[in-house]
Amino acid sequence: MIYDLAIIGGGPAGVAAGIYAARKKIESVIITDFFGGQSLISASIENWIGDKSISGFDLAKKLENHLRFQQGIDIVEGDTVLRIIKERGRFVCITKNNKKIEAKTLFIASGSRRRKLDIPGEKEFEGRGVFYCSTCDAPLFKDKVVAVVGAGNAGLEAVQDLSLYAKKIYLVDQADTIKGDVVTRERIEKNEKIKIILNIQINKILGDKFLTGFIYLDRNTSQENKLDIDGVFVEIGSVPNSEIVKDFVEINNAGEIIVDHKTQQTSMLGIWAAGDVTDVLYKQNNISVGDAIKAVLNINEYLRGV
């Protein structure tokens, strides 16, 4: 079968695209390893419009259930697109399960993945003191001392998760200011168990069988110091999952797919994108959904020859 549209990704952008494609009677398929995107690991999402607070798991289920309610869209779950080729004017998605899915157009909503520190000791102690998901692993640090690297919204959320368990938390960042949400920041600054250390560079993770601390450069004093901790959570942003289309579309220095923000079209005819994989200024679920809907409306016009 040759689909009109193949949607890659099952986060908010991908699901929104699937729902609108079904409503527009576009013969579509959505390919995703799982539903929910990065928000799946969030304990509480408080800016999803329509819900005062919802867990990432519950949001993922709501998205999936809404998508499955629609008629006219095929779902390929538990699979990932590894490569895309173009044959006879159509796109062929080759998946890890050796499926070949052909489509006239593509919508890329592949999101992003966690960025790592890339310093000595990080890989060696991953899972033994170095973690990337506070929602998943915060309970391991009851009455222990931990550090969160990253003072953006992800870092602030991690601090909040850990504050329910850890006896002391260091929030550290290479920047000299906290960049996250003001309300969350103020809440953290009032918490006596949280200490903020800014303008530093972490150089090495230390440990034996498990992590015991890290060495960092204090840029204010140009001195190296050691911080003794039981664990560290790395929350320094993400890397766009744009590799599968890098040979087709224009990508910026950050690895983001460059789109026309009026239509979400990429530099290649027949490919649209939305969400964290693109050069959108604000990486937010609500914005991803709106951009995905915009893209599908434009895809519908393209397919109908409008």
C-alpha atoms as a PDB file:
ATOM      1  CA  MET A   1       0.000   0.000   0.000  1.00  0.00           C
ATOM      2  CA  ILE A   2       1.124   3.528  -0.754  1.00  0.00           C
ATOM      3  CA  TYR A   3      -0.094   5.975   1.885  1.00  0.00           C
ATOM      4  CA  ASP A   4      -0.841   9.610   1.248  1.00  0.00           C
ATOM      5  CA  LEU A   5       0.989  10.500   4.454  1.00  0.00           C
ATOM      6  CA  ALA A   6       3.443   8.801   6.807  1.00  0.00           C
ATOM      7  CA  ILE A   7       3.720  10.366  10.265  1.00  0.00           C
ATOM      8  CA  ILE A   8       6.934   9.642  12.163  1.00  0.00           C
ATOM      9  CA  GLY A   9       6.639  10.044  15.932  1.00  0.00           C
ATOM     10  CA  GLY A  10       3.999   9.446  18.612  1.00  0.00           C
ATOM     11  CA  GLY A  11       4.337  12.489  20.822  1.00  0.00           C
ATOM     12  CA  PRO A  12       1.819  15.350  20.949  1.00  0.00           C
ATOM     13  CA  ALA A  13       2.793  16.593  17.466  1.00  0.00           C
ATOM     14  CA  GLY A  14       2.590  13.163  15.847  1.00  0.00           C
ATOM     15  CA  VAL A  15      -0.736  12.285  17.480  1.00  0.00           C
ATOM     16  CA  ALA A  16      -2.267  15.660  16.595  1.00  0.00           C
ATOM     17  CA  ALA A  17      -1.185  15.147  12.994  1.00  0.00           C
ATOM     18  CA  GLY A  18      -2.717  11.678  12.983  1.00  0.00           C
ATOM     19  CA  ILE A  19      -6.053  12.887  14.345  1.00  0.00           C
ATOM     20  CA  TYR A  20      -6.315  15.715  11.838  1.00  0.00           C
ATOM     21  CA  ALA A  21      -5.188  13.520   8.957  1.00  0.00           C
ATOM     22  CA  ALA A  22      -7.959  11.054   9.819  1.00  0.00           C
ATOM     23  CA  ARG A  23     -10.506  13.853   9.997  1.00  0.00           C
ATOM     24  CA  LYS A  24      -9.416  15.082   6.571  1.00  0.00           C
ATOM     25  CA  LYS A  25      -9.706  11.541   5.149  1.00  0.00           C
ATOM     26  CA  ILE A  26      -6.004  11.436   4.289  1.00  0.00           C
ATOM     27  CA  GLU A  27      -4.838   7.833   4.006  1.00  0.00           C
ATOM     28  CA  SER A  28      -2.203   7.874   6.724  1.00  0.00           C
ATOM     29  CA  VAL A  29       0.049   5.745   8.883  1.00  0.00           C
ATOM     30  CA  ILE A  30       1.752   6.748  12.119  1.00  0.00           C
ATOM     31  CA  ILE A  31       5.018   5.032  13.057  1.00  0.00           C
ATOM     32  CA  THR A  32       6.179   5.272  16.662  1.00  0.00           C
ATOM     33  CA  ASP A  33       8.148   3.333  19.233  1.00  0.00           C
ATOM     34  CA  PHE A  34       5.758   4.546  21.961  1.00  0.00           C
ATOM     35  CA  PHE A  35       3.181   7.263  22.586  1.00  0.00           C
ATOM     36  CA  GLY A  36       3.719  10.393  24.641  1.00  0.00           C
ATOM     37  CA  GLY A  37       7.133  11.622  23.574  1.00  0.00           C
ATOM     38  CA  GLN A  38       9.495  13.052  26.196  1.00  0.00           C
ATOM     39  CA  SER A  39       6.582  14.101  28.379  1.00  0.00           C
ATOM     40  CA  LEU A  40       5.950  10.451  29.198  1.00  0.00           C
ATOM     41  CA  ILE A  41       8.427  10.661  32.090  1.00  0.00           C
ATOM     42  CA  SER A  42       6.986  13.823  33.646  1.00  0.00           C
ATOM     43  CA  ALA A  43       5.314  13.329  37.010  1.00  0.00           C
ATOM     44  CA  SER A  44       3.148  16.419  36.645  1.00  0.00           C
ATOM     45  CA  ILE A  45       2.470  18.614  33.625  1.00  0.00           C
ATOM     46  CA  GLU A  46       0.788  21.839  34.679  1.00  0.00           C
ATOM     47  CA  ASN A  47       0.689  23.781  31.407  1.00  0.00           C
ATOM     48  CA  TRP A  48      -1.231  21.363  29.196  1.00  0.00           C
ATOM     49  CA  ILE A  49      -4.290  23.377  28.214  1.00  0.00           C
ATOM     50  CA  GLY A  50      -7.468  21.824  29.596  1.00  0.00           C
ATOM     51  CA  ASP A  51      -5.831  20.002  32.493  1.00  0.00           C
ATOM     52  CA  LYS A  52      -4.709  21.774  35.668  1.00  0.00           C
ATOM     53  CA  SER A  53      -2.260  18.937  36.254  1.00  0.00           C
ATOM     54  CA  ILE A  54      -1.685  15.659  34.447  1.00  0.00           C
ATOM     55  CA  SER A  55       1.083  13.083  34.587  1.00  0.00           C
ATOM     56  CA  GLY A  56       3.101  12.308  31.480  1.00  0.00           C
ATOM     57  CA  PHE A  57       1.774   8.747  31.538  1.00  0.00           C
ATOM     58  CA  ASP A  58      -1.856   9.884  31.677  1.00  0.00           C
ATOM     59  CA  LEU A  59      -1.280  12.430  28.925  1.00  0.00           C
ATOM     60  CA  ALA A  60       0.270   9.735  26.723  1.00  0.00           C
ATOM     61  CA  LYS A  61      -2.759   7.481  27.260  1.00  0.00           C
ATOM     62  CA  LYS A  62      -5.185  10.300  26.463  1.00  0.00           C
ATOM     63  CA  LEU A  63      -3.321  11.062  23.251  1.00  0.00           C
ATOM     64  CA  GLU A  64      -3.200   7.408  22.237  1.00  0.00           C
ATOM     65  CA  ASN A  65      -6.867   6.803  23.041  1.00  0.00           C
ATOM     66  CA  HIS A  66      -7.944   9.821  21.006  1.00  0.00           C
ATOM     67  CA  LEU A  67      -5.859   8.667  18.064  1.00  0.00           C
ATOM     68  CA  ARG A  68      -7.213   5.111  18.196  1.00  0.00           C
ATOM     69  CA  PHE A  69     -10.759   6.490  18.304  1.00  0.00           C
ATOM     70  CA  GLN A  70     -10.267   7.928  14.830  1.00  0.00           C
ATOM     71  CA  GLN A  71     -11.064   5.877  11.756  1.00  0.00           C
ATOM     72  CA  GLY A  72      -8.845   5.743   8.698  1.00  0.00           C
ATOM     73  CA  ILE A  73      -5.347   5.818  10.159  1.00  0.00           C
ATOM     74  CA  ASP A  74      -3.024   2.832  10.487  1.00  0.00           C
ATOM     75  CA  ILE A  75      -0.795   2.579  13.566  1.00  0.00           C
ATOM     76  CA  VAL A  76       2.630   0.930  13.535  1.00  0.00           C
ATOM     77  CA  GLU A  77       3.638   0.812  17.211  1.00  0.00           C
ATOM     78  CA  GLY A  78       6.828  -0.476  18.803  1.00  0.00           C
ATOM     79  CA  ASP A  79       8.859   0.380  15.729  1.00  0.00           C
ATOM     80  CA  THR A  80      11.240   3.121  14.659  1.00  0.00           C
ATOM     81  CA  VAL A  81      12.179   4.534  11.275  1.00  0.00           C
ATOM     82  CA  LEU A  82      15.900   4.014  10.737  1.00  0.00           C
ATOM     83  CA  ARG A  83      16.249   5.248   7.194  1.00  0.00           C
ATOM     84  CA  ILE A  84      14.299   7.030   4.483  1.00  0.00           C
ATOM     85  CA  ILE A  85      14.897   6.700   0.762  1.00  0.00           C
ATOM     86  CA  LYS A  86      13.076   8.185  -2.204  1.00  0.00           C
ATOM     87  CA  GLU A  87      11.946   5.963  -5.051  1.00  0.00           C
ATOM     88  CA  ARG A  88       9.723   6.809  -8.013  1.00  0.00           C
ATOM     89  CA  GLY A  89       8.771  10.105  -6.438  1.00  0.00           C
ATOM     90  CA  ARG A  90       7.651   8.473  -3.184  1.00  0.00           C
ATOM     91  CA  PHE A  91       9.227   8.207   0.254  1.00  0.00           C
ATOM     92  CA  VAL A  92      10.089   4.779   1.634  1.00  0.00           C
ATOM     93  CA  CYS A  93      10.470   4.478   5.421  1.00  0.00           C
ATOM     94  CA  ILE A  94      12.628   1.526   6.456  1.00  0.00           C
ATOM     95  CA  THR A  95      12.088   0.524  10.094  1.00  0.00           C
ATOM     96  CA  LYS A  96      14.063  -1.408  12.687  1.00  0.00           C
ATOM     97  CA  ASN A  97      11.570  -4.279  12.277  1.00  0.00           C
ATOM     98  CA  ASN A  98      12.441  -4.435   8.569  1.00  0.00           C
ATOM     99  CA  LYS A  99       9.182  -2.924   7.372  1.00  0.00           C
ATOM    100  CA  LYS A 100       9.071  -0.766   4.257  1.00  0.00           C
ATOM    101  CA  ILE A 101       6.337   1.849   4.393  1.00  0.00           C
ATOM    102  CA  GLU A 102       5.715   3.977   1.300  1.00  0.00           C
ATOM    103  CA  ALA A 103       4.044   7.362   1.291  1.00  0.00           C
ATOM    104  CA  LYS A 104       3.549  10.353  -0.976  1.00  0.00           C
ATOM    105  CA  THR A 105       4.323  12.793   1.849  1.00  0.00           C
ATOM    106  CA  LEU A 106       6.081  12.742   5.219  1.00  0.00           C
ATOM    107  CA  PHE A 107       5.413  14.488   8.503  1.00  0.00           C
ATOM    108  CA  ILE A 108       8.407  14.374  10.846  1.00  0.00           C
ATOM    109  CA  ALA A 109       7.585  14.579  14.562  1.00  0.00           C
ATOM    110  CA  SER A 110      10.494  12.500  15.818  1.00  0.00           C
ATOM    111  CA  GLY A 111      11.231  14.825  18.740  1.00  0.00           C
ATOM    112  CA  SER A 112      14.564  14.852  20.524  1.00  0.00           C
ATOM    113  CA  ARG A 113      16.713  12.882  22.970  1.00  0.00           C
ATOM    114  CA  ARG A 114      18.539  13.828  26.159  1.00  0.00           C
ATOM    115  CA  ARG A 115      21.855  15.642  25.795  1.00  0.00           C
ATOM    116  CA  LYS A 116      24.807  14.230  27.762  1.00  0.00           C
ATOM    117  CA  LEU A 117      27.770  15.881  29.453  1.00  0.00           C
ATOM    118  CA  ASP A 118      30.359  13.898  27.470  1.00  0.00           C
ATOM    119  CA  ILE A 119      32.964  14.003  30.232  1.00  0.00           C
ATOM    120  CA  PRO A 120      35.156  11.292  31.796  1.00  0.00           C
ATOM    121  CA  GLY A 121      33.198   9.029  34.117  1.00  0.00           C
ATOM    122  CA  GLU A 122      29.725   9.795  32.747  1.00  0.00           C
ATOM    123  CA  LYS A 123      29.403   6.679  30.627  1.00  0.00           C
ATOM    124  CA  GLU A 124      31.118   4.475  33.228  1.00  0.00           C
ATOM    125  CA  PHE A 125      28.667   5.452  35.979  1.00  0.00           C
ATOM    126  CA  GLU A 126      25.492   5.659  33.926  1.00  0.00           C
ATOM    127  CA  GLY A 127      22.876   3.816  35.950  1.00  0.00           C
ATOM    128  CA  ARG A 128      25.285   3.692  38.910  1.00  0.00           C
ATOM    129  CA  GLY A 129      24.880   7.276  40.004  1.00  0.00           C
ATOM    130  CA  VAL A 130      24.441   9.118  36.695  1.00  0.00           C
ATOM    131  CA  PHE A 131      20.792   9.398  35.652  1.00  0.00           C
ATOM    132  CA  TYR A 132      18.686  11.278  33.113  1.00  0.00           C
ATOM    133  CA  CYS A 133      15.144  10.761  34.434  1.00  0.00           C
ATOM    134  CA  SER A 134      14.250  12.127  37.859  1.00  0.00           C
ATOM    135  CA  THR A 135      10.682  10.859  37.580  1.00  0.00           C
ATOM    136  CA  CYS A 136      11.989   7.337  37.084  1.00  0.00           C
ATOM    137  CA  ASP A 137      14.873   7.308  39.558  1.00  0.00           C
ATOM    138  CA  ALA A 138      14.262   9.947  42.253  1.00  0.00           C
ATOM    139  CA  PRO A 139      12.977   7.305  44.766  1.00  0.00           C
ATOM    140  CA  LEU A 140      16.446   5.711  44.736  1.00  0.00           C
ATOM    141  CA  PHE A 141      17.841   8.744  46.545  1.00  0.00           C
ATOM    142  CA  LYS A 142      15.824   8.814  49.741  1.00  0.00           C
ATOM    143  CA  ASP A 143      17.873  10.632  52.416  1.00  0.00           C
ATOM    144  CA  LYS A 144      20.830  10.992  50.031  1.00  0.00           C
ATOM    145  CA  VAL A 145      22.712  13.920  48.520  1.00  0.00           C
ATOM    146  CA  VAL A 146      22.245  14.567  44.819  1.00  0.00           C
ATOM    147  CA  ALA A 147      23.028  17.159  42.166  1.00  0.00           C
ATOM    148  CA  VAL A 148      20.973  18.277  39.194  1.00  0.00           C
ATOM    149  CA  VAL A 149      22.914  19.648  36.236  1.00  0.00           C
ATOM    150  CA  GLY A 150      20.916  22.196  34.279  1.00  0.00           C
ATOM    151  CA  ALA A 151      19.003  25.290  35.372  1.00  0.00           C
ATOM    152  CA  GLY A 152      16.348  25.271  32.664  1.00  0.00           C
ATOM    153  CA  ASN A 153      12.802  24.024  33.139  1.00  0.00           C
ATOM    154  CA  ALA A 154      13.865  20.370  32.931  1.00  0.00           C
ATOM    155  CA  GLY A 155      16.428  20.899  35.690  1.00  0.00           C
ATOM    156  CA  LEU A 156      13.963  22.734  37.919  1.00  0.00           C
ATOM    157  CA  GLU A 157      11.399  19.954  37.489  1.00  0.00           C
ATOM    158  CA  ALA A 158      14.054  17.386  38.395  1.00  0.00           C
ATOM    159  CA  VAL A 159      14.872  19.318  41.566  1.00  0.00           C
ATOM    160  CA  GLN A 160      11.204  19.281  42.521  1.00  0.00           C
ATOM    161  CA  ASP A 161      10.991  15.530  41.923  1.00  0.00           C
ATOM    162  CA  LEU A 162      14.076  14.892  44.030  1.00  0.00           C
ATOM    163  CA  SER A 163      13.023  17.215  46.848  1.00  0.00           C
ATOM    164  CA  LEU A 164      10.455  14.608  47.897  1.00  0.00           C
ATOM    165  CA  TYR A 165      13.258  12.116  48.625  1.00  0.00           C
ATOM    166  CA  ALA A 166      16.782  13.563  48.870  1.00  0.00           C
ATOM    167  CA  LYS A 167      18.025  15.238  52.034  1.00  0.00           C
ATOM    168  CA  LYS A 168      20.133  17.757  50.067  1.00  0.00           C
ATOM    169  CA  ILE A 169      20.095  18.844  46.439  1.00  0.00           C
ATOM    170  CA  TYR A 170      22.623  20.911  44.507  1.00  0.00           C
ATOM    171  CA  LEU A 171      21.318  22.684  41.417  1.00  0.00           C
ATOM    172  CA  VAL A 172      24.339  23.430  39.222  1.00  0.00           C
ATOM    173  CA  ASP A 173      24.784  25.024  35.819  1.00  0.00           C
ATOM    174  CA  GLN A 174      27.484  26.503  33.611  1.00  0.00           C
ATOM    175  CA  ALA A 175      25.379  29.629  33.121  1.00  0.00           C
ATOM    176  CA  ASP A 176      25.342  32.415  35.692  1.00  0.00           C
ATOM    177  CA  THR A 177      21.540  32.646  35.876  1.00  0.00           C
ATOM    178  CA  ILE A 178      18.590  30.271  36.260  1.00  0.00           C
ATOM    179  CA  LYS A 179      16.715  30.101  32.960  1.00  0.00           C
ATOM    180  CA  GLY A 180      13.634  28.134  33.999  1.00  0.00           C
ATOM    181  CA  ASP A 181      10.078  29.138  34.773  1.00  0.00           C
ATOM    182  CA  VAL A 182       9.880  32.010  37.300  1.00  0.00           C
ATOM    183  CA  VAL A 183       7.214  30.398  39.498  1.00  0.00           C
ATOM    184  CA  THR A 184       9.150  27.140  39.785  1.00  0.00           C
ATOM    185  CA  ARG A 185      12.404  29.007  40.378  1.00  0.00           C
ATOM    186  CA  GLU A 186      10.950  31.010  43.240  1.00  0.00           C
ATOM    187  CA  ARG A 187       9.618  27.835  44.823  1.00  0.00           C
ATOM    188  CA  ILE A 188      13.048  26.213  44.634  1.00  0.00           C
ATOM    189  CA  GLU A 189      14.908  29.232  45.974  1.00  0.00           C
ATOM    190  CA  LYS A 190      12.773  29.121  49.133  1.00  0.00           C
ATOM    191  CA  ASN A 191      13.572  25.447  49.799  1.00  0.00           C
ATOM    192  CA  GLU A 192      16.322  25.210  52.422  1.00  0.00           C
ATOM    193  CA  LYS A 193      17.507  21.760  51.311  1.00  0.00           C
ATOM    194  CA  ILE A 194      18.420  23.107  47.849  1.00  0.00           C
ATOM    195  CA  LYS A 195      21.722  24.885  47.167  1.00  0.00           C
ATOM    196  CA  ILE A 196      22.330  26.636  43.843  1.00  0.00           C
ATOM    197  CA  ILE A 197      25.827  26.723  42.330  1.00  0.00           C
ATOM    198  CA  LEU A 198      26.142  28.588  39.036  1.00  0.00           C
ATOM    199  CA  ASN A 199      28.895  29.485  36.563  1.00  0.00           C
ATOM    200  CA  ILE A 200      30.765  26.188  36.851  1.00  0.00           C
ATOM    201  CA  GLN A 201      32.150  23.593  34.465  1.00  0.00           C
ATOM    202  CA  ILE A 202      31.948  19.920  35.437  1.00  0.00           C
ATOM    203  CA  ASN A 203      35.138  18.173  34.324  1.00  0.00           C
ATOM    204  CA  LYS A 204      35.006  14.635  35.667  1.00  0.00           C
ATOM    205  CA  ILE A 205      32.645  12.172  37.356  1.00  0.00           C
ATOM    206  CA  LEU A 206      34.216  10.312  40.289  1.00  0.00           C
ATOM    207  CA  GLY A 207      33.430   6.958  41.832  1.00  0.00           C
ATOM    208  CA  ASP A 208      34.358   3.352  42.526  1.00  0.00           C
ATOM    209  CA  LYS A 209      31.523   0.879  42.160  1.00  0.00           C
ATOM    210  CA  PHE A 210      29.107   3.809  42.287  1.00  0.00           C
ATOM    211  CA  LEU A 211      29.374   7.531  41.757  1.00  0.00           C
ATOM    212  CA  THR A 212      30.823   9.452  44.701  1.00  0.00           C
ATOM    213  CA  GLY A 213      31.021  12.986  43.307  1.00  0.00           C
ATOM    214  CA  PHE A 214      32.431  15.156  40.566  1.00  0.00           C
ATOM    215  CA  ILE A 215      35.247  17.637  39.935  1.00  0.00           C
ATOM    216  CA  TYR A 216      34.222  21.069  38.696  1.00  0.00           C
ATOM    217  CA  LEU A 217      35.856  24.347  37.748  1.00  0.00           C
ATOM    218  CA  ASP A 218      34.470  27.390  39.525  1.00  0.00           C
ATOM    219  CA  ARG A 219      34.637  30.069  36.841  1.00  0.00           C
ATOM    220  CA  ASN A 220      34.259  32.811  39.418  1.00  0.00           C
ATOM    221  CA  THR A 221      37.505  31.854  41.164  1.00  0.00           C
ATOM    222  CA  SER A 222      39.242  29.750  38.449  1.00  0.00           C
ATOM    223  CA  GLN A 223      39.663  26.984  41.066  1.00  0.00           C
ATOM    224  CA  GLU A 224      38.838  23.311  40.806  1.00  0.00           C
ATOM    225  CA  ASN A 225      36.618  21.862  43.517  1.00  0.00           C
ATOM    226  CA  LYS A 226      35.141  18.512  44.401  1.00  0.00           C
ATOM    227  CA  LEU A 227      31.469  18.009  45.203  1.00  0.00           C
ATOM    228  CA  ASP A 228      30.643  14.875  47.207  1.00  0.00           C
ATOM    229  CA  ILE A 229      27.272  13.467  46.186  1.00  0.00           C
ATOM    230  CA  ASP A 230      25.490  10.134  45.845  1.00  0.00           C
ATOM    231  CA  GLY A 231      24.020  10.797  42.434  1.00  0.00           C
ATOM    232  CA  VAL A 232      23.705  13.291  39.591  1.00  0.00           C
ATOM    233  CA  PHE A 233      20.803  13.948  37.243  1.00  0.00           C
ATOM    234  CA  VAL A 234      21.749  15.464  33.888  1.00  0.00           C
ATOM    235  CA  GLU A 235      19.120  17.878  32.568  1.00  0.00           C
ATOM    236  CA  ILE A 236      20.941  20.009  29.983  1.00  0.00           C
ATOM    237  CA  GLY A 237      18.574  19.927  27.079  1.00  0.00           C
ATOM    238  CA  SER A 238      18.140  17.658  24.127  1.00  0.00           C
ATOM    239  CA  VAL A 239      19.383  16.738  20.658  1.00  0.00           C
ATOM    240  CA  PRO A 240      16.883  16.731  17.757  1.00  0.00           C
ATOM    241  CA  ASN A 241      16.200  13.313  16.218  1.00  0.00           C
ATOM    242  CA  SER A 242      16.661  14.651  12.698  1.00  0.00           C
ATOM    243  CA  GLU A 243      19.224  12.178  11.363  1.00  0.00           C
ATOM    244  CA  ILE A 244      16.722  10.237   9.237  1.00  0.00           C
ATOM    245  CA  VAL A 245      16.012  13.263   7.017  1.00  0.00           C
ATOM    246  CA  LYS A 246      19.363  15.053   7.110  1.00  0.00           C
ATOM    247  CA  ASP A 247      20.032  14.096   3.476  1.00  0.00           C
ATOM    248  CA  PHE A 248      16.700  15.529   2.327  1.00  0.00           C
ATOM    249  CA  VAL A 249      15.986  18.737   4.230  1.00  0.00           C
ATOM    250  CA  GLU A 250      17.862  21.788   5.441  1.00  0.00           C
ATOM    251  CA  ILE A 251      19.083  21.478   9.044  1.00  0.00           C
ATOM    252  CA  ASN A 252      20.646  24.204  11.196  1.00  0.00           C
ATOM    253  CA  ASN A 253      23.804  24.013  13.321  1.00  0.00           C
ATOM    254  CA  ALA A 254      21.788  22.728  16.291  1.00  0.00           C
ATOM    255  CA  GLY A 255      20.536  19.779  14.233  1.00  0.00           C
ATOM    256  CA  GLU A 256      17.010  21.185  14.025  1.00  0.00           C
ATOM    257  CA  ILE A 257      14.924  20.884  10.859  1.00  0.00           C
ATOM    258  CA  ILE A 258      14.340  24.332   9.390  1.00  0.00           C
ATOM    259  CA  VAL A 259      10.680  24.876   8.531  1.00  0.00           C
ATOM    260  CA  ASP A 260       8.469  27.579   7.091  1.00  0.00           C
ATOM    261  CA  HIS A 261       6.565  28.519  10.242  1.00  0.00           C
ATOM    262  CA  LYS A 262       3.479  29.500   8.248  1.00  0.00           C
ATOM    263  CA  THR A 263       3.023  25.983   6.874  1.00  0.00           C
ATOM    264  CA  GLN A 264       5.639  23.771   8.626  1.00  0.00           C
ATOM    265  CA  GLN A 265       7.032  22.793   5.217  1.00  0.00           C
ATOM    266  CA  THR A 266      10.704  21.873   5.097  1.00  0.00           C
ATOM    267  CA  SER A 267      13.106  22.770   2.319  1.00  0.00           C
ATOM    268  CA  MET A 268      12.079  19.633   0.403  1.00  0.00           C
ATOM    269  CA  LEU A 269       8.739  19.381  -1.317  1.00  0.00           C
ATOM    270  CA  GLY A 270       6.646  16.651   0.293  1.00  0.00           C
ATOM    271  CA  ILE A 271       8.165  16.792   3.778  1.00  0.00           C
ATOM    272  CA  TRP A 272       6.711  18.706   6.734  1.00  0.00           C
ATOM    273  CA  ALA A 273       7.848  18.741  10.370  1.00  0.00           C
ATOM    274  CA  ALA A 274       6.791  20.035  13.793  1.00  0.00           C
ATOM    275  CA  GLY A 275       7.730  19.777  17.442  1.00  0.00           C
ATOM    276  CA  ASP A 276      11.103  19.536  19.146  1.00  0.00           C
ATOM    277  CA  VAL A 277      12.841  18.247  16.016  1.00  0.00           C
ATOM    278  CA  THR A 278      12.326  21.625  14.325  1.00  0.00           C
ATOM    279  CA  ASP A 279      13.753  25.104  14.753  1.00  0.00           C
ATOM    280  CA  VAL A 280      10.637  26.286  16.588  1.00  0.00           C
ATOM    281  CA  LEU A 281      11.629  28.881  19.179  1.00  0.00           C
ATOM    282  CA  TYR A 282       9.666  27.420  22.097  1.00  0.00           C
ATOM    283  CA  LYS A 283       9.701  23.674  22.746  1.00  0.00           C
ATOM    284  CA  GLN A 284       6.255  23.203  24.263  1.00  0.00           C
ATOM    285  CA  ASN A 285       3.622  20.475  23.889  1.00  0.00           C
ATOM    286  CA  ASN A 286       0.828  22.929  23.154  1.00  0.00           C
ATOM    287  CA  ILE A 287       2.869  24.631  20.442  1.00  0.00           C
ATOM    288  CA  SER A 288       3.844  21.273  18.919  1.00  0.00           C
ATOM    289  CA  VAL A 289       0.174  20.308  18.643  1.00  0.00           C
ATOM    290  CA  GLY A 290      -0.773  23.583  16.975  1.00  0.00           C
ATOM    291  CA  ASP A 291       2.124  23.378  14.523  1.00  0.00           C
ATOM    292  CA  ALA A 292       1.224  19.776  13.668  1.00  0.00           C
ATOM    293  CA  ILE A 293      -2.361  20.736  12.891  1.00  0.00           C
ATOM    294  CA  LYS A 294      -1.118  23.604  10.740  1.00  0.00           C
ATOM    295  CA  ALA A 295       1.115  21.164   8.864  1.00  0.00           C
ATOM    296  CA  VAL A 296      -1.656  18.650   8.155  1.00  0.00           C
ATOM    297  CA  LEU A 297      -3.980  21.356   6.864  1.00  0.00           C
ATOM    298  CA  ASN A 298      -1.219  22.365   4.466  1.00  0.00           C
ATOM    299  CA  ILE A 299      -0.497  18.745   3.544  1.00  0.00           C
ATOM    300  CA  ASN A 300      -4.181  18.295   2.734  1.00  0.00           C
ATOM    301  CA  GLU A 301      -4.062  21.257   0.365  1.00  0.00           C
ATOM    302  CA  TYR A 302      -0.889  19.884  -1.227  1.00  0.00           C
ATOM    303  CA  LEU A 303      -2.380  16.414  -1.768  1.00  0.00           C
ATOM    304  CA  ARG A 304      -5.596  17.890  -3.187  1.00  0.00           C
ATOM    305  CA  GLY A 305      -3.623  20.102  -5.541  1.00  0.00           C
ATOM    306  CA  VAL A 306      -5.012  23.301  -4.069  1.00  0.00           C
END
